[in-house]
PDB file of N, CA and C in Angstrom:
ATOM      1  N   MET A   1     105.035  99.883 106.162  1.00  0.00           N
ATOM      2  CA  MET A   1     105.043 100.788 105.059  1.00  0.00           C
ATOM      3  C   MET A   1     104.313 102.050 105.507  1.00  0.00           C
ATOM      4  N   VAL A   2     104.960 103.194 105.336  1.00  0.00           N
ATOM      5  CA  VAL A   2     104.381 104.455 105.796  1.00  0.00           C
ATOM      6  C   VAL A   2     104.465 105.483 104.677  1.00  0.00           C
ATOM      7  N   GLY A   3     103.389 106.218 104.462  1.00  0.00           N
ATOM      8  CA  GLY A   3     103.412 107.328 103.524  1.00  0.00           C
ATOM      9  C   GLY A   3     102.850 107.029 102.157  1.00  0.00           C
ATOM     10  N   LEU A   4     102.180 105.902 102.006  1.00  0.00           N
ATOM     11  CA  LEU A   4     101.567 105.579 100.725  1.00  0.00           C
ATOM     12  C   LEU A   4     100.427 106.569 100.474  1.00  0.00           C
ATOM     13  N   PRO A   5     100.358 107.179  99.290  1.00  0.00           N
ATOM     14  CA  PRO A   5      99.299 108.162  99.028  1.00  0.00           C
ATOM     15  C   PRO A   5      97.921 107.502  99.026  1.00  0.00           C
ATOM     16  N   CYS A   6      96.889 108.296  99.299  1.00  0.00           N
ATOM     17  CA  CYS A   6      95.537 107.739  99.442  1.00  0.00           C
ATOM     18  C   CYS A   6      95.055 107.030  98.182  1.00  0.00           C
ATOM     19  N   CYS A   7      95.518 107.445  97.008  1.00  0.00           N
ATOM     20  CA  CYS A   7      95.086 106.762  95.780  1.00  0.00           C
ATOM     21  C   CYS A   7      95.714 105.376  95.664  1.00  0.00           C
ATOM     22  N   ALA A   8      96.644 105.049  96.557  1.00  0.00           N
ATOM     23  CA  ALA A   8      97.307 103.738  96.533  1.00  0.00           C
ATOM     24  C   ALA A   8      97.009 102.938  97.796  1.00  0.00           C
ATOM     25  N   TRP A   9      95.938 103.265  98.499  1.00  0.00           N
ATOM     26  CA  TRP A   9      95.572 102.522  99.700  1.00  0.00           C
ATOM     27  C   TRP A   9      94.799 101.271  99.309  1.00  0.00           C
ATOM     28  N   ASN A  10      95.467 100.360  98.654  1.00  0.00           N
ATOM     29  CA  ASN A  10      94.838  99.099  98.277  1.00  0.00           C
ATOM     30  C   ASN A  10      95.904  98.011  98.240  1.00  0.00           C
ATOM     31  N   ASP A  11      95.464  96.774  98.253  1.00  0.00           N
ATOM     32  CA  ASP A  11      96.385  95.642  98.336  1.00  0.00           C
ATOM     33  C   ASP A  11      97.288  95.510  97.114  1.00  0.00           C
ATOM     34  N   VAL A  12      96.812  95.914  95.951  1.00  0.00           N
ATOM     35  CA  VAL A  12      97.618  95.801  94.736  1.00  0.00           C
ATOM     36  C   VAL A  12      98.856  96.681  94.841  1.00  0.00           C
ATOM     37  N   ALA A  13      98.663  97.941  95.237  1.00  0.00           N
ATOM     38  CA  ALA A  13      99.793  98.868  95.354  1.00  0.00           C
ATOM     39  C   ALA A  13     100.733  98.451  96.473  1.00  0.00           C
ATOM     40  N   VAL A  14     100.186  98.021  97.601  1.00  0.00           N
ATOM     41  CA  VAL A  14     101.012  97.583  98.726  1.00  0.00           C
ATOM     42  C   VAL A  14     101.856  96.382  98.314  1.00  0.00           C
ATOM     43  N   LYS A  15     101.253  95.425  97.617  1.00  0.00           N
ATOM     44  CA  LYS A  15     101.998  94.245  97.168  1.00  0.00           C
ATOM     45  C   LYS A  15     103.094  94.645  96.182  1.00  0.00           C
ATOM     46  N   LYS A  16     102.803  95.598  95.327  1.00  0.00           N
ATOM     47  CA  LYS A  16     103.782  96.039  94.332  1.00  0.00           C
ATOM     48  C   LYS A  16     105.018  96.626  95.013  1.00  0.00           C
ATOM     49  N   VAL A  17     104.822  97.423  96.055  1.00  0.00           N
ATOM     50  CA  VAL A  17     105.943  98.011  96.793  1.00  0.00           C
ATOM     51  C   VAL A  17     106.672  96.936  97.590  1.00  0.00           C
ATOM     52  N   ALA A  18     105.945  96.135  98.351  1.00  0.00           N
ATOM     53  CA  ALA A  18     106.556  95.140  99.242  1.00  0.00           C
ATOM     54  C   ALA A  18     107.287  94.041  98.485  1.00  0.00           C
ATOM     55  N   SER A  19     106.860  93.725  97.285  1.00  0.00           N
ATOM     56  CA  SER A  19     107.496  92.643  96.537  1.00  0.00           C
ATOM     57  C   SER A  19     108.911  92.996  96.090  1.00  0.00           C
ATOM     58  N   MET A  20     109.327  94.237  96.276  1.00  0.00           N
ATOM     59  CA  MET A  20     110.710  94.620  95.974  1.00  0.00           C
ATOM     60  C   MET A  20     111.686  93.856  96.865  1.00  0.00           C
ATOM     61  N   TRP A  21     111.246  93.434  98.046  1.00  0.00           N
ATOM     62  CA  TRP A  21     112.125  92.744  98.989  1.00  0.00           C
ATOM     63  C   TRP A  21     112.003  91.240  98.900  1.00  0.00           C
ATOM     64  N   ASP A  22     110.982  90.718  98.325  1.00  0.00           N
ATOM     65  CA  ASP A  22     110.817  89.289  98.049  1.00  0.00           C
ATOM     66  C   ASP A  22     109.341  88.951  97.975  1.00  0.00           C
ATOM     67  N   GLU A  23     108.982  87.756  98.383  1.00  0.00           N
ATOM     68  CA  GLU A  23     107.617  87.255  98.225  1.00  0.00           C
ATOM     69  C   GLU A  23     106.687  87.771  99.324  1.00  0.00           C
ATOM     70  N   VAL A  24     105.561  88.343  98.924  1.00  0.00           N
ATOM     71  CA  VAL A  24     104.561  88.826  99.876  1.00  0.00           C
ATOM     72  C   VAL A  24     103.704  87.641 100.311  1.00  0.00           C
ATOM     73  N   CYS A  25     103.683  87.381 101.633  1.00  0.00           N
ATOM     74  CA  CYS A  25     102.868  86.282 102.170  1.00  0.00           C
ATOM     75  C   CYS A  25     101.438  86.749 102.422  1.00  0.00           C
ATOM     76  N   PHE A  26     101.298  87.879 103.122  1.00  0.00           N
ATOM     77  CA  PHE A  26      99.974  88.435 103.363  1.00  0.00           C
ATOM     78  C   PHE A  26     100.097  89.887 103.805  1.00  0.00           C
ATOM     79  N   ILE A  27      98.987  90.596 103.701  1.00  0.00           N
ATOM     80  CA  ILE A  27      98.894  91.981 104.147  1.00  0.00           C
ATOM     81  C   ILE A  27      97.937  91.987 105.326  1.00  0.00           C
ATOM     82  N   GLU A  28      98.393  92.522 106.449  1.00  0.00           N
ATOM     83  CA  GLU A  28      97.559  92.513 107.651  1.00  0.00           C
ATOM     84  C   GLU A  28      96.454  93.556 107.551  1.00  0.00           C
ATOM     85  N   GLU A  29      95.256  93.146 107.898  1.00  0.00           N
ATOM     86  CA  GLU A  29      94.126  94.060 107.960  1.00  0.00           C
ATOM     87  C   GLU A  29      94.006  94.536 109.401  1.00  0.00           C
ATOM     88  N   ASP A  30      94.359  95.794 109.645  1.00  0.00           N
ATOM     89  CA  ASP A  30      94.323  96.351 110.996  1.00  0.00           C
ATOM     90  C   ASP A  30      93.433  97.579 110.991  1.00  0.00           C
ATOM     91  N   GLY A  31      92.232  97.430 111.516  1.00  0.00           N
ATOM     92  CA  GLY A  31      91.274  98.525 111.549  1.00  0.00           C
ATOM     93  C   GLY A  31      91.691  99.677 112.433  1.00  0.00           C
ATOM     94  N   ASP A  32      92.642  99.439 113.353  1.00  0.00           N
ATOM     95  CA  ASP A  32      93.092 100.492 114.258  1.00  0.00           C
ATOM     96  C   ASP A  32      94.241 101.315 113.691  1.00  0.00           C
ATOM     97  N   ALA A  33      94.919 100.813 112.661  1.00  0.00           N
ATOM     98  CA  ALA A  33      96.074 101.515 112.087  1.00  0.00           C
ATOM     99  C   ALA A  33      95.597 102.620 111.148  1.00  0.00           C
ATOM    100  N   PRO A  34      96.384 103.692 111.037  1.00  0.00           N
ATOM    101  CA  PRO A  34      96.043 104.741 110.061  1.00  0.00           C
ATOM    102  C   PRO A  34      96.017 104.149 108.649  1.00  0.00           C
ATOM    103  N   LEU A  35      95.209 104.714 107.768  1.00  0.00           N
ATOM    104  CA  LEU A  35      95.080 104.175 106.416  1.00  0.00           C
ATOM    105  C   LEU A  35      96.385 104.207 105.638  1.00  0.00           C
ATOM    106  N   ALA A  36      97.260 105.157 105.936  1.00  0.00           N
ATOM    107  CA  ALA A  36      98.525 105.277 105.200  1.00  0.00           C
ATOM    108  C   ALA A  36      99.596 104.327 105.725  1.00  0.00           C
ATOM    109  N   VAL A  37      99.264 103.490 106.699  1.00  0.00           N
ATOM    110  CA  VAL A  37     100.220 102.544 107.272  1.00  0.00           C
ATOM    111  C   VAL A  37      99.720 101.127 106.999  1.00  0.00           C
ATOM    112  N   LYS A  38     100.585 100.290 106.432  1.00  0.00           N
ATOM    113  CA  LYS A  38     100.231  98.891 106.175  1.00  0.00           C
ATOM    114  C   LYS A  38     101.321  97.988 106.719  1.00  0.00           C
ATOM    115  N   ARG A  39     100.927  96.868 107.297  1.00  0.00           N
ATOM    116  CA  ARG A  39     101.875  95.845 107.744  1.00  0.00           C
ATOM    117  C   ARG A  39     101.800  94.689 106.759  1.00  0.00           C
ATOM    118  N   VAL A  40     102.969  94.292 106.263  1.00  0.00           N
ATOM    119  CA  VAL A  40     103.042  93.263 105.233  1.00  0.00           C
ATOM    120  C   VAL A  40     104.026  92.195 105.683  1.00  0.00           C
ATOM    121  N   CYS A  41     103.632  90.936 105.604  1.00  0.00           N
ATOM    122  CA  CYS A  41     104.531  89.831 105.909  1.00  0.00           C
ATOM    123  C   CYS A  41     105.243  89.451 104.618  1.00  0.00           C
ATOM    124  N   ILE A  42     106.581  89.534 104.643  1.00  0.00           N
ATOM    125  CA  ILE A  42     107.390  89.243 103.466  1.00  0.00           C
ATOM    126  C   ILE A  42     108.294  88.058 103.765  1.00  0.00           C
ATOM    127  N   LYS A  43     108.263  87.067 102.901  1.00  0.00           N
ATOM    128  CA  LYS A  43     109.151  85.908 103.018  1.00  0.00           C
ATOM    129  C   LYS A  43     110.418  86.243 102.236  1.00  0.00           C
ATOM    130  N   THR A  44     111.533  86.363 102.953  1.00  0.00           N
ATOM    131  CA  THR A  44     112.780  86.742 102.300  1.00  0.00           C
ATOM    132  C   THR A  44     113.951  85.978 102.893  1.00  0.00           C
ATOM    133  N   ALA A  45     114.955  85.742 102.088  1.00  0.00           N
ATOM    134  CA  ALA A  45     116.180  85.085 102.552  1.00  0.00           C
ATOM    135  C   ALA A  45     117.271  86.114 102.819  1.00  0.00           C
ATOM    136  N   LYS A  46     116.947  87.380 102.613  1.00  0.00           N
ATOM    137  CA  LYS A  46     117.939  88.437 102.815  1.00  0.00           C
ATOM    138  C   LYS A  46     118.144  88.660 104.312  1.00  0.00           C
ATOM    139  N   PRO A  47     119.399  88.647 104.786  1.00  0.00           N
ATOM    140  CA  PRO A  47     119.669  88.702 106.221  1.00  0.00           C
ATOM    141  C   PRO A  47     119.694  90.113 106.818  1.00  0.00           C
ATOM    142  N   PHE A  48     119.434  91.129 106.032  1.00  0.00           N
ATOM    143  CA  PHE A  48     119.563  92.489 106.547  1.00  0.00           C
ATOM    144  C   PHE A  48     118.219  93.069 106.971  1.00  0.00           C
ATOM    145  N   LEU A  49     118.307  94.104 107.794  1.00  0.00           N
ATOM    146  CA  LEU A  49     117.137  94.825 108.269  1.00  0.00           C
ATOM    147  C   LEU A  49     116.608  95.710 107.147  1.00  0.00           C
ATOM    148  N   ILE A  50     115.324  95.762 106.955  1.00  0.00           N
ATOM    149  CA  ILE A  50     114.736  96.623 105.927  1.00  0.00           C
ATOM    150  C   ILE A  50     114.481  97.992 106.541  1.00  0.00           C
ATOM    151  N   GLN A  51     115.141  99.000 106.040  1.00  0.00           N
ATOM    152  CA  GLN A  51     114.973 100.395 106.450  1.00  0.00           C
ATOM    153  C   GLN A  51     115.179 101.230 105.198  1.00  0.00           C
ATOM    154  N   ASP A  52     114.177 101.354 104.373  1.00  0.00           N
ATOM    155  CA  ASP A  52     114.332 102.030 103.094  1.00  0.00           C
ATOM    156  C   ASP A  52     113.256 103.067 102.861  1.00  0.00           C
ATOM    157  N   MET A  53     113.588 103.979 101.977  1.00  0.00           N
ATOM    158  CA  MET A  53     112.626 104.914 101.410  1.00  0.00           C
ATOM    159  C   MET A  53     112.612 104.601  99.922  1.00  0.00           C
ATOM    160  N   VAL A  54     111.435 104.412  99.362  1.00  0.00           N
ATOM    161  CA  VAL A  54     111.326 104.161  97.930  1.00  0.00           C
ATOM    162  C   VAL A  54     110.463 105.237  97.299  1.00  0.00           C
ATOM    163  N   LYS A  55     110.687 105.441  96.028  1.00  0.00           N
ATOM    164  CA  LYS A  55     109.897 106.420  95.293  1.00  0.00           C
ATOM    165  C   LYS A  55     108.728 105.693  94.650  1.00  0.00           C
ATOM    166  N   VAL A  56     107.524 106.155  94.964  1.00  0.00           N
ATOM    167  CA  VAL A  56     106.311 105.605  94.374  1.00  0.00           C
ATOM    168  C   VAL A  56     105.686 106.712  93.536  1.00  0.00           C
ATOM    169  N   VAL A  57     105.408 106.421  92.281  1.00  0.00           N
ATOM    170  CA  VAL A  57     104.758 107.384  91.401  1.00  0.00           C
ATOM    171  C   VAL A  57     103.311 106.946  91.245  1.00  0.00           C
ATOM    172  N   ALA A  58     102.392 107.775  91.733  1.00  0.00           N
ATOM    173  CA  ALA A  58     100.968 107.470  91.652  1.00  0.00           C
ATOM    174  C   ALA A  58     100.273 108.607  90.923  1.00  0.00           C
ATOM    175  N   GLN A  59      99.646 108.304  89.823  1.00  0.00           N
ATOM    176  CA  GLN A  59      98.943 109.282  89.000  1.00  0.00           C
ATOM    177  C   GLN A  59      99.851 110.450  88.635  1.00  0.00           C
ATOM    178  N   GLY A  60     101.117 110.146  88.344  1.00  0.00           N
ATOM    179  CA  GLY A  60     102.064 111.152  87.887  1.00  0.00           C
ATOM    180  C   GLY A  60     102.740 111.961  88.978  1.00  0.00           C
ATOM    181  N   VAL A  61     102.442 111.696  90.236  1.00  0.00           N
ATOM    182  CA  VAL A  61     103.035 112.428  91.358  1.00  0.00           C
ATOM    183  C   VAL A  61     103.960 111.487  92.126  1.00  0.00           C
ATOM    184  N   GLU A  62     105.178 111.961  92.459  1.00  0.00           N
ATOM    185  CA  GLU A  62     106.137 111.145  93.208  1.00  0.00           C
ATOM    186  C   GLU A  62     105.909 111.282  94.710  1.00  0.00           C
ATOM    187  N   TYR A  63     105.983 110.160  95.415  1.00  0.00           N
ATOM    188  CA  TYR A  63     105.848 110.125  96.871  1.00  0.00           C
ATOM    189  C   TYR A  63     106.999 109.315  97.446  1.00  0.00           C
ATOM    190  N   GLY A  64     107.493 109.721  98.602  1.00  0.00           N
ATOM    191  CA  GLY A  64     108.479 108.929  99.326  1.00  0.00           C
ATOM    192  C   GLY A  64     107.746 108.032 100.303  1.00  0.00           C
ATOM    193  N   VAL A  65     107.946 106.736 100.183  1.00  0.00           N
ATOM    194  CA  VAL A  65     107.269 105.771 101.050  1.00  0.00           C
ATOM    195  C   VAL A  65     108.326 105.067 101.888  1.00  0.00           C
ATOM    196  N   GLY A  66     108.151 105.099 103.204  1.00  0.00           N
ATOM    197  CA  GLY A  66     109.083 104.436 104.107  1.00  0.00           C
ATOM    198  C   GLY A  66     108.706 102.980 104.289  1.00  0.00           C
ATOM    199  N   VAL A  67     109.697 102.109 104.176  1.00  0.00           N
ATOM    200  CA  VAL A  67     109.487 100.675 104.386  1.00  0.00           C
ATOM    201  C   VAL A  67     110.449 100.254 105.484  1.00  0.00           C
ATOM    202  N   HIS A  68     109.907  99.748 106.594  1.00  0.00           N
ATOM    203  CA  HIS A  68     110.719  99.424 107.765  1.00  0.00           C
ATOM    204  C   HIS A  68     110.340  98.057 108.302  1.00  0.00           C
ATOM    205  N   LYS A  69     111.346  97.311 108.745  1.00  0.00           N
ATOM    206  CA  LYS A  69     111.086  96.041 109.416  1.00  0.00           C
ATOM    207  C   LYS A  69     110.628  96.343 110.834  1.00  0.00           C
ATOM    208  N   ILE A  70     109.583  95.674 111.255  1.00  0.00           N
ATOM    209  CA  ILE A  70     109.077  95.829 112.619  1.00  0.00           C
ATOM    210  C   ILE A  70     109.473  94.577 113.381  1.00  0.00           C
ATOM    211  N   SER A  71     110.441  94.703 114.275  1.00  0.00           N
ATOM    212  CA  SER A  71     110.976  93.522 114.956  1.00  0.00           C
ATOM    213  C   SER A  71     110.029  92.952 116.007  1.00  0.00           C
ATOM    214  N   ASN A  72     109.127  93.764 116.537  1.00  0.00           N
ATOM    215  CA  ASN A  72     108.251  93.263 117.595  1.00  0.00           C
ATOM    216  C   ASN A  72     106.846  92.934 117.096  1.00  0.00           C
ATOM    217  N   TRP A  73     106.641  92.890 115.799  1.00  0.00           N
ATOM    218  CA  TRP A  73     105.329  92.581 115.240  1.00  0.00           C
ATOM    219  C   TRP A  73     105.085  91.087 115.308  1.00  0.00           C
ATOM    220  N   GLU A  74     103.978  90.688 115.891  1.00  0.00           N
ATOM    221  CA  GLU A  74     103.600  89.283 115.984  1.00  0.00           C
ATOM    222  C   GLU A  74     102.235  89.113 115.331  1.00  0.00           C
ATOM    223  N   PRO A  75     102.223  88.854 114.028  1.00  0.00           N
ATOM    224  CA  PRO A  75     100.936  88.741 113.343  1.00  0.00           C
ATOM    225  C   PRO A  75     100.170  87.510 113.784  1.00  0.00           C
ATOM    226  N   ASN A  76      98.860  87.631 113.809  1.00  0.00           N
ATOM    227  CA  ASN A  76      97.988  86.500 114.110  1.00  0.00           C
ATOM    228  C   ASN A  76      97.716  85.795 112.787  1.00  0.00           C
ATOM    229  N   ILE A  77      98.527  84.801 112.478  1.00  0.00           N
ATOM    230  CA  ILE A  77      98.468  84.167 111.169  1.00  0.00           C
ATOM    231  C   ILE A  77      97.191  83.360 110.982  1.00  0.00           C
ATOM    232  N   MET A  78      96.745  82.681 112.016  1.00  0.00           N
ATOM    233  CA  MET A  78      95.498  81.922 111.914  1.00  0.00           C
ATOM    234  C   MET A  78      94.504  82.448 112.935  1.00  0.00           C
ATOM    235  N   GLU A  79      93.337  82.804 112.473  1.00  0.00           N
ATOM    236  CA  GLU A  79      92.276  83.240 113.361  1.00  0.00           C
ATOM    237  C   GLU A  79      91.683  82.012 114.054  1.00  0.00           C
ATOM    238  N   GLU A  80      91.031  82.242 115.179  1.00  0.00           N
ATOM    239  CA  GLU A  80      90.400  81.143 115.893  1.00  0.00           C
ATOM    240  C   GLU A  80      89.365  80.466 115.014  1.00  0.00           C
ATOM    241  N   GLY A  81      89.365  79.158 115.000  1.00  0.00           N
ATOM    242  CA  GLY A  81      88.386  78.409 114.227  1.00  0.00           C
ATOM    243  C   GLY A  81      88.812  78.128 112.799  1.00  0.00           C
ATOM    244  N   GLU A  82      89.897  78.739 112.337  1.00  0.00           N
ATOM    245  CA  GLU A  82      90.371  78.484 110.976  1.00  0.00           C
ATOM    246  C   GLU A  82      91.225  77.225 110.959  1.00  0.00           C
ATOM    247  N   ILE A  83      91.130  76.485 109.905  1.00  0.00           N
ATOM    248  CA  ILE A  83      91.934  75.280 109.744  1.00  0.00           C
ATOM    249  C   ILE A  83      92.731  75.428 108.462  1.00  0.00           C
ATOM    250  N   GLU A  84      94.031  75.186 108.565  1.00  0.00           N
ATOM    251  CA  GLU A  84      94.886  75.257 107.385  1.00  0.00           C
ATOM    252  C   GLU A  84      95.167  73.840 106.916  1.00  0.00           C
ATOM    253  N   SER A  85      95.143  73.636 105.606  1.00  0.00           N
ATOM    254  CA  SER A  85      95.342  72.303 105.065  1.00  0.00           C
ATOM    255  C   SER A  85      96.235  72.360 103.842  1.00  0.00           C
ATOM    256  N   ASP A  86      97.056  71.327 103.665  1.00  0.00           N
ATOM    257  CA  ASP A  86      97.886  71.209 102.477  1.00  0.00           C
ATOM    258  C   ASP A  86      97.172  70.442 101.370  1.00  0.00           C
ATOM    259  N   ILE A  87      95.931  70.062 101.597  1.00  0.00           N
ATOM    260  CA  ILE A  87      95.169  69.297 100.617  1.00  0.00           C
ATOM    261  C   ILE A  87      94.685  70.250  99.529  1.00  0.00           C
ATOM    262  N   PRO A  88      95.013  69.972  98.268  1.00  0.00           N
ATOM    263  CA  PRO A  88      94.590  70.874  97.189  1.00  0.00           C
ATOM    264  C   PRO A  88      93.086  70.839  96.977  1.00  0.00           C
ATOM    265  N   ASP A  89      92.541  71.939  96.473  1.00  0.00           N
ATOM    266  CA  ASP A  89      91.124  72.034  96.157  1.00  0.00           C
ATOM    267  C   ASP A  89      90.886  71.346  94.817  1.00  0.00           C
ATOM    268  N   LEU A  90      90.110  70.282  94.823  1.00  0.00           N
ATOM    269  CA  LEU A  90      89.864  69.518  93.606  1.00  0.00           C
ATOM    270  C   LEU A  90      88.480  69.782  93.035  1.00  0.00           C
ATOM    271  N   SER A  91      87.868  70.873  93.434  1.00  0.00           N
ATOM    272  CA  SER A  91      86.509  71.166  92.989  1.00  0.00           C
ATOM    273  C   SER A  91      86.442  71.564  91.525  1.00  0.00           C
ATOM    274  N   GLY A  92      87.596  71.888  90.923  1.00  0.00           N
ATOM    275  CA  GLY A  92      87.603  72.233  89.510  1.00  0.00           C
ATOM    276  C   GLY A  92      87.463  73.716  89.248  1.00  0.00           C
ATOM    277  N   GLY A  93      86.973  74.465  90.203  1.00  0.00           N
ATOM    278  CA  GLY A  93      86.837  75.911  90.030  1.00  0.00           C
ATOM    279  C   GLY A  93      88.128  76.618  90.369  1.00  0.00           C
ATOM    280  N   GLU A  94      88.465  77.614  89.578  1.00  0.00           N
ATOM    281  CA  GLU A  94      89.678  78.377  89.859  1.00  0.00           C
ATOM    282  C   GLU A  94      89.326  79.565  90.734  1.00  0.00           C
ATOM    283  N   GLU A  95      90.110  79.747  91.767  1.00  0.00           N
ATOM    284  CA  GLU A  95      89.911  80.898  92.632  1.00  0.00           C
ATOM    285  C   GLU A  95      90.594  82.099  92.024  1.00  0.00           C
ATOM    286  N   GLU A  96      89.933  83.241  92.099  1.00  0.00           N
ATOM    287  CA  GLU A  96      90.538  84.472  91.618  1.00  0.00           C
ATOM    288  C   GLU A  96      90.810  85.361  92.810  1.00  0.00           C
ATOM    289  N   ASP A  97      91.991  85.920  92.846  1.00  0.00           N
ATOM    290  CA  ASP A  97      92.341  86.848  93.908  1.00  0.00           C
ATOM    291  C   ASP A  97      92.241  88.255  93.339  1.00  0.00           C
ATOM    292  N   ALA A  98      91.073  88.869  93.482  1.00  0.00           N
ATOM    293  CA  ALA A  98      90.833  90.186  92.900  1.00  0.00           C
ATOM    294  C   ALA A  98      91.746  91.244  93.494  1.00  0.00           C
ATOM    295  N   CYS A  99      92.221  91.019  94.713  1.00  0.00           N
ATOM    296  CA  CYS A  99      93.085  92.012  95.348  1.00  0.00           C
ATOM    297  C   CYS A  99      94.429  92.133  94.645  1.00  0.00           C
ATOM    298  N   PHE A 100      94.903  91.065  94.020  1.00  0.00           N
ATOM    299  CA  PHE A 100      96.239  91.083  93.454  1.00  0.00           C
ATOM    300  C   PHE A 100      96.247  90.987  91.933  1.00  0.00           C
ATOM    301  N   GLU A 101      95.190  91.400  91.275  1.00  0.00           N
ATOM    302  CA  GLU A 101      95.189  91.394  89.825  1.00  0.00           C
ATOM    303  C   GLU A 101      96.227  92.376  89.324  1.00  0.00           C
ATOM    304  N   ASP A 102      97.046  91.946  88.368  1.00  0.00           N
ATOM    305  CA  ASP A 102      98.139  92.772  87.869  1.00  0.00           C
ATOM    306  C   ASP A 102      97.671  94.066  87.231  1.00  0.00           C
ATOM    307  N   ASP A 103      96.544  94.031  86.529  1.00  0.00           N
ATOM    308  CA  ASP A 103      96.117  95.225  85.809  1.00  0.00           C
ATOM    309  C   ASP A 103      95.191  96.114  86.622  1.00  0.00           C
ATOM    310  N   ALA A 104      94.917  95.774  87.862  1.00  0.00           N
ATOM    311  CA  ALA A 104      93.966  96.534  88.664  1.00  0.00           C
ATOM    312  C   ALA A 104      94.504  97.881  89.096  1.00  0.00           C
ATOM    313  N   ASN A 105      95.806  98.072  89.061  1.00  0.00           N
ATOM    314  CA  ASN A 105      96.371  99.323  89.561  1.00  0.00           C
ATOM    315  C   ASN A 105      97.564  99.753  88.711  1.00  0.00           C
ATOM    316  N   ASP A 106      97.368  99.871  87.409  1.00  0.00           N
ATOM    317  CA  ASP A 106      98.457 100.194  86.499  1.00  0.00           C
ATOM    318  C   ASP A 106      99.013 101.594  86.699  1.00  0.00           C
ATOM    319  N   PHE A 107      98.269 102.464  87.385  1.00  0.00           N
ATOM    320  CA  PHE A 107      98.754 103.826  87.540  1.00  0.00           C
ATOM    321  C   PHE A 107      99.773 103.962  88.670  1.00  0.00           C
ATOM    322  N   ILE A 108     100.078 102.900  89.401  1.00  0.00           N
ATOM    323  CA  ILE A 108     101.082 102.922  90.457  1.00  0.00           C
ATOM    324  C   ILE A 108     102.387 102.392  89.888  1.00  0.00           C
ATOM    325  N   ASP A 109     103.472 103.124  90.096  1.00  0.00           N
ATOM    326  CA  ASP A 109     104.781 102.702  89.618  1.00  0.00           C
ATOM    327  C   ASP A 109     105.769 102.831  90.764  1.00  0.00           C
ATOM    328  N   VAL A 110     106.531 101.785  91.005  1.00  0.00           N
ATOM    329  CA  VAL A 110     107.546 101.796  92.051  1.00  0.00           C
ATOM    330  C   VAL A 110     108.897 101.730  91.376  1.00  0.00           C
ATOM    331  N   GLU A 111     109.752 102.663  91.723  1.00  0.00           N
ATOM    332  CA  GLU A 111     111.082 102.690  91.133  1.00  0.00           C
ATOM    333  C   GLU A 111     112.071 102.214  92.172  1.00  0.00           C
ATOM    334  N   ASN A 112     112.508 100.955  92.048  1.00  0.00           N
ATOM    335  CA  ASN A 112     113.374 100.371  93.061  1.00  0.00           C
ATOM    336  C   ASN A 112     114.835 100.717  92.870  1.00  0.00           C
ATOM    337  N   ASP A 113     115.248 101.147  91.681  1.00  0.00           N
ATOM    338  CA  ASP A 113     116.646 101.507  91.477  1.00  0.00           C
ATOM    339  C   ASP A 113     116.953 102.894  92.013  1.00  0.00           C
ATOM    340  N   ASP A 114     115.942 103.712  92.151  1.00  0.00           N
ATOM    341  CA  ASP A 114     116.137 105.100  92.530  1.00  0.00           C
ATOM    342  C   ASP A 114     115.529 105.344  93.904  1.00  0.00           C
ATOM    343  N   LYS A 115     116.298 105.110  94.956  1.00  0.00           N
ATOM    344  CA  LYS A 115     115.809 105.318  96.316  1.00  0.00           C
ATOM    345  C   LYS A 115     115.646 106.813  96.575  1.00  0.00           C
ATOM    346  N   VAL A 116     114.681 107.174  97.382  1.00  0.00           N
ATOM    347  CA  VAL A 116     114.439 108.570  97.716  1.00  0.00           C
ATOM    348  C   VAL A 116     115.467 109.017  98.742  1.00  0.00           C
ATOM    349  N   ASP A 117     115.986 110.206  98.576  1.00  0.00           N
ATOM    350  CA  ASP A 117     116.921 110.785  99.535  1.00  0.00           C
ATOM    351  C   ASP A 117     116.178 110.986 100.846  1.00  0.00           C
ATOM    352  N   GLU A 118     116.657 110.378 101.935  1.00  0.00           N
ATOM    353  CA  GLU A 118     115.953 110.439 103.216  1.00  0.00           C
ATOM    354  C   GLU A 118     115.858 111.856 103.767  1.00  0.00           C
ATOM    355  N   ARG A 119     116.716 112.754 103.306  1.00  0.00           N
ATOM    356  CA  ARG A 119     116.651 114.135 103.775  1.00  0.00           C
ATOM    357  C   ARG A 119     115.527 114.897 103.095  1.00  0.00           C
ATOM    358  N   GLN A 120     115.033 114.389 101.981  1.00  0.00           N
ATOM    359  CA  GLN A 120     113.969 115.042 101.240  1.00  0.00           C
ATOM    360  C   GLN A 120     112.647 114.754 101.933  1.00  0.00           C
ATOM    361  N   GLU A 121     111.894 115.787 102.287  1.00  0.00           N
ATOM    362  CA  GLU A 121     110.621 115.586 102.965  1.00  0.00           C
ATOM    363  C   GLU A 121     109.492 115.604 101.956  1.00  0.00           C
ATOM    364  N   ASN A 122     108.434 114.881 102.276  1.00  0.00           N
ATOM    365  CA  ASN A 122     107.242 114.939 101.449  1.00  0.00           C
ATOM    366  C   ASN A 122     106.079 115.383 102.321  1.00  0.00           C
ATOM    367  N   SER A 123     104.875 115.314 101.805  1.00  0.00           N
ATOM    368  CA  SER A 123     103.716 115.792 102.547  1.00  0.00           C
ATOM    369  C   SER A 123     103.406 114.957 103.778  1.00  0.00           C
ATOM    370  N   PHE A 124     104.036 113.787 103.923  1.00  0.00           N
ATOM    371  CA  PHE A 124     103.808 112.947 105.089  1.00  0.00           C
ATOM    372  C   PHE A 124     104.858 113.176 106.163  1.00  0.00           C
ATOM    373  N   GLY A 125     105.748 114.169 105.987  1.00  0.00           N
ATOM    374  CA  GLY A 125     106.771 114.476 106.984  1.00  0.00           C
ATOM    375  C   GLY A 125     107.894 113.477 107.007  1.00  0.00           C
ATOM    376  N   MET A 126     108.122 112.801 105.900  1.00  0.00           N
ATOM    377  CA  MET A 126     109.172 111.791 105.846  1.00  0.00           C
ATOM    378  C   MET A 126     110.397 112.377 105.193  1.00  0.00           C
TER     379      MET A 126
END
């Protein structure tokens, strides 16, 4: 994802855009990548390559955001020392995922029916 405005540099907005293609598995945290670039793992059954521009409205301003499949991306799904388990947590406490709260970023709107004309440039040179 390229060209997300700075007011939308958070996991809620990224998930909102990426979920247009299907289920978001995780968002990669890459300290070396520019802030306006996010890598998102999407679980999808759609057989086509993702190469889209979508219109994102943030605080009343429209932005063109590029969403592209990266064929050579190899995410490190499990860090060293981490153990993944299918055993449910029976501690009784509910985990809250503050990053993906629905109301945390109501000022971001993604319009999936209205793709941005790729010839139209925005402030990110897209």
